[in-house]
Amino acid sequence: MDATPTTTPNPVSTELRVQRVRHEFAARHMQLMARERLSAGFVRVILGSADLSGFRSDGFDDHVKLLLAPPGHARPGLPELVDGRPFFQGERPVARDYTPVRWDTEQGVLVLEFAIHDAGPAAHWARTAPMGHWVGVAGPRGSMVIPKGFAWHWLLGDDSALPAIERRLAELPAEAHVTVRLKVAEADRRTLHSAARVDLQWVDDLAEAAAALALPDTEGYIWAAGEHSEMAAIRSVMKDKGAPLKRMRIAAYWKRGEAAHHAELVEEA
């Protein structure tokens, strides 16, 4: 008989359980209604639809697919779900991922923000498309809902993660303790509003900033998103700190030299 003592791991608190929520697949055409230049490197657009009913975005880092029409087409084709996967009839539109910033299903309005430092097709569209121009919006197909009741929250990211971080800060309660490290050009830094207790620093190196943080001994959650190599470095830093995988989500929203990159490097287990 093995006399080695065993321990039973503590069950995850129901209140602190990360939940995956699936949404009914939906794709719709929307029109450009308004554009606002937030700073040198950011543009906010307002899209309108006659019917935004059923649109849901339960997680602060959800993404929709913005679909841009191919040359010579007034509207992009919309996908249909075939065997559980989106399928396009005809020429496939350019597709890019964006976080829903705000929306109003009754008014049929969806707000997206674009970092426009690069010369990609979506950034070009956000800067130059005429009012009334048609795009497609698909999703979100699902949400990962991270509870607000953790003892602490870390949010780390570059300009591609700024809309999600801004949305998260706006939704966290007054009792939340939040550490934010953002790598954003000085001209694009903005006031971020939150009822929570926030320690915000604008930094030049996200991995270095992450390494300087002391991991608390209470239960919290680490969220990071940005360029692939920088997120891989943060993953390594968190591994060295002994941060639990089940309390982290690290995502690459883009990768140098590659278009339309999105990858999960550490996702809640």
Protein backbone atom coordinates (compact mmCIF):
# COMPACT_ATOMS: atom_id res chain seq x y z
CA MET A 1 0.00 0.00 0.00
CA ASP A 2 1.35 3.42 -0.96
CA ALA A 3 1.59 5.51 2.18
CA THR A 4 2.38 8.74 0.31
CA PRO A 5 -0.09 11.34 1.53
CA THR A 6 -2.38 12.77 -1.10
CA THR A 7 -4.11 16.08 -1.25
CA THR A 8 -7.30 17.05 -2.92
CA PRO A 9 -7.04 20.30 -4.86
CA ASN A 10 -9.38 23.04 -3.78
CA PRO A 11 -12.37 23.27 -6.11
CA VAL A 12 -12.56 26.36 -8.27
CA SER A 13 -14.98 28.84 -6.77
CA THR A 14 -18.17 29.07 -8.78
CA GLU A 15 -17.94 32.85 -8.57
CA LEU A 16 -14.44 32.78 -10.11
CA ARG A 17 -15.04 30.24 -12.85
CA VAL A 18 -14.23 31.43 -16.32
CA GLN A 19 -17.15 30.57 -18.57
CA ARG A 20 -17.27 29.94 -22.28
CA VAL A 21 -20.47 31.10 -23.91
CA ARG A 22 -21.40 30.17 -27.47
CA HIS A 23 -23.56 32.50 -29.54
CA GLU A 24 -25.82 31.74 -32.45
CA PHE A 25 -23.91 32.39 -35.67
CA ALA A 26 -24.88 35.64 -37.36
CA ALA A 27 -23.49 37.77 -40.18
CA ARG A 28 -24.99 41.02 -41.40
CA HIS A 29 -24.31 43.97 -43.66
CA MET A 30 -23.67 47.31 -41.97
CA GLN A 31 -23.00 50.82 -43.24
CA LEU A 32 -20.43 53.38 -42.17
CA MET A 33 -22.36 56.10 -40.34
CA ALA A 34 -19.66 58.18 -38.66
CA ARG A 35 -15.90 58.42 -38.18
CA GLU A 36 -13.91 60.03 -35.37
CA ARG A 37 -10.14 60.51 -35.31
CA LEU A 38 -9.26 59.75 -31.69
CA SER A 39 -5.55 60.44 -32.03
CA ALA A 40 -2.74 60.24 -34.55
CA GLY A 41 -2.95 56.45 -34.63
CA PHE A 42 -6.59 55.63 -33.82
CA VAL A 43 -9.87 55.98 -35.67
CA ARG A 44 -13.29 55.13 -34.23
CA VAL A 45 -16.09 54.21 -36.61
CA ILE A 46 -19.81 53.83 -36.06
CA LEU A 47 -21.56 51.20 -38.13
CA GLY A 48 -25.30 51.02 -38.59
CA SER A 49 -27.70 48.21 -39.47
CA ALA A 50 -31.45 47.99 -39.91
CA ASP A 51 -31.37 44.92 -37.68
CA LEU A 52 -28.81 44.29 -34.95
CA SER A 53 -31.20 42.16 -32.90
CA GLY A 54 -29.56 39.17 -31.29
CA PHE A 55 -26.09 40.71 -31.28
CA ARG A 56 -24.20 39.66 -28.14
CA SER A 57 -20.74 40.31 -26.81
CA ASP A 58 -20.40 38.97 -23.27
CA GLY A 59 -16.59 39.08 -23.01
CA PHE A 60 -14.53 42.27 -23.02
CA ASP A 61 -12.04 40.74 -25.50
CA ASP A 62 -14.61 39.31 -27.94
CA HIS A 63 -14.02 39.92 -31.61
CA VAL A 64 -16.15 40.28 -34.69
CA LYS A 65 -14.99 39.66 -38.23
CA LEU A 66 -15.05 42.85 -40.27
CA LEU A 67 -15.57 41.87 -43.91
CA LEU A 68 -14.45 44.21 -46.71
CA ALA A 69 -15.86 43.93 -50.21
CA PRO A 70 -13.50 42.84 -53.00
CA PRO A 71 -12.73 45.46 -55.69
CA GLY A 72 -15.72 46.05 -57.93
CA HIS A 73 -18.27 44.91 -55.36
CA ALA A 74 -20.60 47.26 -53.49
CA ARG A 75 -20.99 44.83 -50.59
CA PRO A 76 -18.95 41.88 -49.35
CA GLY A 77 -20.42 38.41 -49.43
CA LEU A 78 -21.61 37.12 -46.06
CA PRO A 79 -20.66 33.67 -44.79
CA GLU A 80 -23.05 30.83 -44.12
CA LEU A 81 -22.41 28.13 -41.57
CA VAL A 82 -21.63 24.82 -43.27
CA ASP A 83 -20.68 21.84 -41.09
CA GLY A 84 -19.97 24.25 -38.26
CA ARG A 85 -17.61 26.46 -40.27
CA PRO A 86 -18.20 29.78 -42.06
CA PHE A 87 -18.39 29.32 -45.83
CA PHE A 88 -18.39 32.02 -48.53
CA GLN A 89 -20.08 31.69 -51.88
CA GLY A 90 -18.00 33.40 -54.55
CA GLU A 91 -15.00 35.63 -53.91
CA ARG A 92 -13.94 35.68 -50.28
CA PRO A 93 -13.80 39.17 -48.71
CA VAL A 94 -10.88 40.54 -46.71
CA ALA A 95 -11.56 39.71 -43.04
CA ARG A 96 -10.01 41.22 -39.92
CA ASP A 97 -10.76 40.82 -36.19
CA TYR A 98 -11.93 43.75 -34.07
CA THR A 99 -13.24 44.12 -30.53
CA PRO A 100 -16.79 45.47 -30.21
CA VAL A 101 -16.34 48.66 -28.18
CA ARG A 102 -20.00 49.57 -27.80
CA TRP A 103 -23.29 48.62 -29.44
CA ASP A 104 -26.99 49.35 -29.24
CA THR A 105 -29.24 46.63 -30.59
CA GLU A 106 -32.33 48.86 -30.55
CA GLN A 107 -30.61 51.62 -32.51
CA GLY A 108 -28.73 49.16 -34.70
CA VAL A 109 -25.34 50.71 -33.94
CA LEU A 110 -21.91 49.09 -33.47
CA VAL A 111 -18.71 50.96 -32.55
CA LEU A 112 -15.24 49.71 -33.53
CA GLU A 113 -11.78 51.22 -33.11
CA PHE A 114 -8.87 50.88 -35.53
CA ALA A 115 -5.16 51.27 -34.86
CA ILE A 116 -4.05 52.78 -38.16
CA HIS A 117 -0.26 52.72 -37.93
CA ASP A 118 0.01 50.13 -40.68
CA ALA A 119 -1.10 50.26 -44.30
CA GLY A 120 -3.40 47.23 -44.17
CA PRO A 121 -6.75 47.13 -45.97
CA ALA A 122 -8.88 47.53 -42.83
CA ALA A 123 -6.86 50.53 -41.59
CA HIS A 124 -7.09 52.07 -45.05
CA TRP A 125 -10.86 51.50 -45.08
CA ALA A 126 -11.25 53.07 -41.63
CA ARG A 127 -9.37 56.18 -42.76
CA THR A 128 -10.85 56.70 -46.21
CA ALA A 129 -14.18 54.92 -46.79
CA PRO A 130 -17.06 57.26 -47.70
CA MET A 131 -20.08 57.53 -45.45
CA GLY A 132 -22.66 54.89 -46.29
CA HIS A 133 -20.03 52.38 -47.44
CA TRP A 134 -21.10 48.76 -46.85
CA VAL A 135 -19.13 46.18 -44.87
CA GLY A 136 -19.97 42.81 -43.38
CA VAL A 137 -19.85 41.97 -39.68
CA ALA A 138 -19.82 38.36 -38.52
CA GLY A 139 -19.94 37.18 -34.92
CA PRO A 140 -18.97 37.14 -32.19
CA ARG A 141 -19.31 33.36 -32.31
CA GLY A 142 -18.63 33.08 -28.61
CA SER A 143 -17.31 34.76 -25.49
CA MET A 144 -14.92 33.89 -22.70
CA VAL A 145 -16.40 35.59 -19.65
CA ILE A 146 -13.75 36.35 -17.03
CA PRO A 147 -15.31 37.07 -13.63
CA LYS A 148 -14.90 40.53 -12.13
CA GLY A 149 -14.53 39.23 -8.59
CA PHE A 150 -10.86 38.21 -8.60
CA ALA A 151 -8.70 39.80 -5.90
CA TRP A 152 -6.57 41.38 -8.62
CA HIS A 153 -6.42 41.77 -12.39
CA TRP A 154 -3.41 42.32 -14.65
CA LEU A 155 -4.03 43.79 -18.10
CA LEU A 156 -1.07 44.07 -20.46
CA GLY A 157 -1.09 44.99 -24.12
CA ASP A 158 -0.10 47.21 -27.01
CA ASP A 159 -2.28 49.48 -29.13
CA SER A 160 -4.09 46.49 -30.68
CA ALA A 161 -5.31 45.55 -27.19
CA LEU A 162 -6.27 49.06 -26.12
CA PRO A 163 -10.01 48.78 -27.03
CA ALA A 164 -10.38 45.55 -25.04
CA ILE A 165 -8.48 46.94 -22.05
CA GLU A 166 -10.51 50.15 -22.11
CA ARG A 167 -13.71 48.10 -22.19
CA ARG A 168 -12.54 45.91 -19.30
CA LEU A 169 -11.61 48.90 -17.14
CA ALA A 170 -15.01 50.45 -17.74
CA GLU A 171 -16.82 47.33 -16.51
CA LEU A 172 -14.77 46.45 -13.41
CA PRO A 173 -16.30 47.40 -10.03
CA ALA A 174 -14.92 49.87 -7.50
CA GLU A 175 -13.48 47.14 -5.29
CA ALA A 176 -11.34 45.67 -8.09
CA HIS A 177 -7.55 46.12 -7.99
CA VAL A 178 -6.17 46.44 -11.51
CA THR A 179 -2.61 46.66 -12.78
CA VAL A 180 -2.38 47.95 -16.36
CA ARG A 181 0.75 48.10 -18.51
CA LEU A 182 0.29 49.53 -22.00
CA LYS A 183 2.76 49.91 -24.83
CA VAL A 184 1.22 52.69 -26.89
CA ALA A 185 2.81 55.62 -28.73
CA GLU A 186 2.76 58.78 -26.65
CA ALA A 187 0.55 60.55 -29.19
CA ASP A 188 -2.09 57.81 -28.82
CA ARG A 189 -2.27 57.65 -25.04
CA ARG A 190 -5.65 58.57 -23.65
CA THR A 191 -7.53 58.82 -20.39
CA LEU A 192 -8.99 55.45 -19.43
CA HIS A 193 -11.99 55.60 -17.12
CA SER A 194 -12.71 53.04 -14.42
CA ALA A 195 -14.44 52.80 -11.06
CA ALA A 196 -11.74 50.31 -10.03
CA ARG A 197 -8.46 51.01 -8.25
CA VAL A 198 -6.08 51.21 -11.18
CA ASP A 199 -2.28 51.22 -11.35
CA LEU A 200 -1.63 52.28 -14.96
CA GLN A 201 1.79 52.73 -16.55
CA TRP A 202 2.66 53.43 -20.18
CA VAL A 203 5.75 51.35 -20.97
CA ASP A 204 8.25 50.71 -23.76
CA ASP A 205 8.69 46.97 -23.17
CA LEU A 206 5.78 44.81 -22.06
CA ALA A 207 7.82 41.74 -21.09
CA GLU A 208 10.15 43.88 -19.00
CA ALA A 209 7.16 45.54 -17.32
CA ALA A 210 5.61 42.13 -16.63
CA ALA A 211 8.86 40.84 -15.13
CA ALA A 212 8.90 43.76 -12.69
CA LEU A 213 5.50 42.82 -11.25
CA ALA A 214 5.31 40.72 -8.10
CA LEU A 215 2.81 37.88 -8.31
CA PRO A 216 0.34 38.21 -5.39
CA ASP A 217 -0.47 35.17 -3.29
CA THR A 218 -4.20 35.74 -3.68
CA GLU A 219 -6.29 34.61 -6.62
CA GLY A 220 -6.24 36.89 -9.64
CA TYR A 221 -6.29 36.85 -13.42
CA ILE A 222 -3.68 37.78 -16.02
CA TRP A 223 -4.75 38.98 -19.45
CA ALA A 224 -2.36 40.08 -22.18
CA ALA A 225 -2.66 40.71 -25.91
CA GLY A 226 -0.47 42.23 -28.60
CA GLU A 227 2.31 41.33 -31.04
CA HIS A 228 3.17 37.62 -31.21
CA SER A 229 6.83 37.74 -30.14
CA GLU A 230 6.07 40.10 -27.25
CA MET A 231 3.23 37.91 -26.05
CA ALA A 232 5.50 34.84 -26.23
CA ALA A 233 7.99 36.73 -24.04
CA ILE A 234 5.23 37.55 -21.53
CA ARG A 235 4.17 33.90 -21.50
CA SER A 236 7.75 32.97 -20.61
CA VAL A 237 7.84 35.58 -17.85
CA MET A 238 4.60 34.30 -16.34
CA LYS A 239 5.82 30.72 -16.51
CA ASP A 240 8.94 31.73 -14.59
CA LYS A 241 6.79 33.44 -11.98
CA GLY A 242 4.74 30.26 -11.53
CA ALA A 243 1.49 31.88 -12.55
CA PRO A 244 -1.23 29.23 -13.04
CA LEU A 245 -2.30 28.55 -16.62
CA LYS A 246 -5.94 28.37 -15.56
CA ARG A 247 -5.75 32.02 -14.53
CA MET A 248 -4.19 33.45 -17.69
CA ARG A 249 -5.15 34.39 -21.20
CA ILE A 250 -2.36 35.57 -23.51
CA ALA A 251 -3.19 36.19 -27.15
CA ALA A 252 -1.25 37.36 -30.19
CA TYR A 253 -3.47 39.86 -31.99
CA TRP A 254 -0.90 40.40 -34.74
CA LYS A 255 2.51 39.26 -35.92
CA ARG A 256 5.23 41.26 -37.65
CA GLY A 257 5.37 40.45 -41.35
CA GLU A 258 2.12 38.49 -41.37
CA ALA A 259 -1.44 39.56 -42.22
CA ALA A 260 -4.59 38.59 -40.30
CA HIS A 261 -2.70 36.81 -37.50
CA HIS A 262 -4.52 35.76 -34.33
CA ALA A 263 -3.29 33.06 -31.96
CA GLU A 264 -3.90 31.98 -28.38
CA LEU A 265 -0.59 31.52 -26.55
CA VAL A 266 -2.06 30.85 -23.13
CA GLU A 267 -5.79 30.35 -22.68
CA GLU A 268 -7.73 29.52 -19.54
CA ALA A 269 -7.65 25.74 -19.06
